């Protein structure tokens, strides 16, 4: 079974070809970092225009590298949401048009479902059920992953996602965009205990996240230092900020695993490529005897391989494909919190 995956939810245009749900034949990503870096963040209109310019070439390259053509495909899996509506429409419309011509299913895939399954693309694979932290520029959420098409919401961010906080702090420190890689690099030379930035634990048993207060604390520290003419120790600020983010992410992920009596945790999404987060996750896993599964860094950021994988499992379980009038969505339609316990949460399928 050959599936073409297409991803265009934000600022990467990506396409991948997967055979039989496990053999990746190609994986092409066209990034827009050079376009958005001058603005310190993603500009939606520019992102959607870039997708329009590149999607045909990216898909053609993925097919060529896989040594297949459109006639060989059994289905196309494409990100339907959440994400930037203009960007999503480019990929989704392209996929629906091709599927209509080729008379094959068009499978709209939830972007977060793709991330949650990305841990199956390479390396040590988890067994169901497992706890998963999805952490990126737009998402900081915890899930109980029951199966390839069932994910139960345990907790979500109440304000800034972790990746957003990294980007905003990097902009404050004039470090450029995206903020995650540069802050991680500078943090490696700084002292993580130099500045006592706050940790937002929220309620005692809460599995939700909040990084807005931490971002504000960094801003106040920087403004105070500048006003008083004190040297700005950027490496120490980065290390202390990163440590505050990582500590909360690690603690709440393992709290979720213990609450749900799960023996495995996975960390996915763009921030899952952060070296300090990966190190602390593995360390806590050894301390608690909980298995930790991490996708390789190339599958942490947005990619189409994870979309193809999610689409494969939808097709295998009988999904016929989306209707022609199906639309994209900017936010996942599932409840912010389960009504009573993890088992009552809404499924992403």
Foldseek 3Di string as FASTA:
>chain_A
DKEWFFEFQFFKTWIWIDDPLARTQFWFIDGDQVVCFVVLDGDLVVRLVVCLVPNVVRHVVNCVSSVHDLLPHQEYFYAQDAHRQSRRCSGQVVRLVSCVVNVHFYHHDHQVLLFVCLLSHDDDHDDPFAWEFEAEQQWTFIWGRHDSFWIFGAETEPDGTPQVLQSLLCVLVVNTPPRLVSLLVLLVPADLPPDQQDACPDDPLHLYHYCPSSSVVLNVVVVVCVVVVHDDSSNHSSNNSVVSVLVSSQVSRVSVCVVVVHQEYEYAAQNLQRPVNVVVNVVVCVVVVGHYGYRHNVSRYDIRSSSRSSRSVCVVVPDRHDDPPDHGHNDQPWDNHQPDDRVRGDTSD
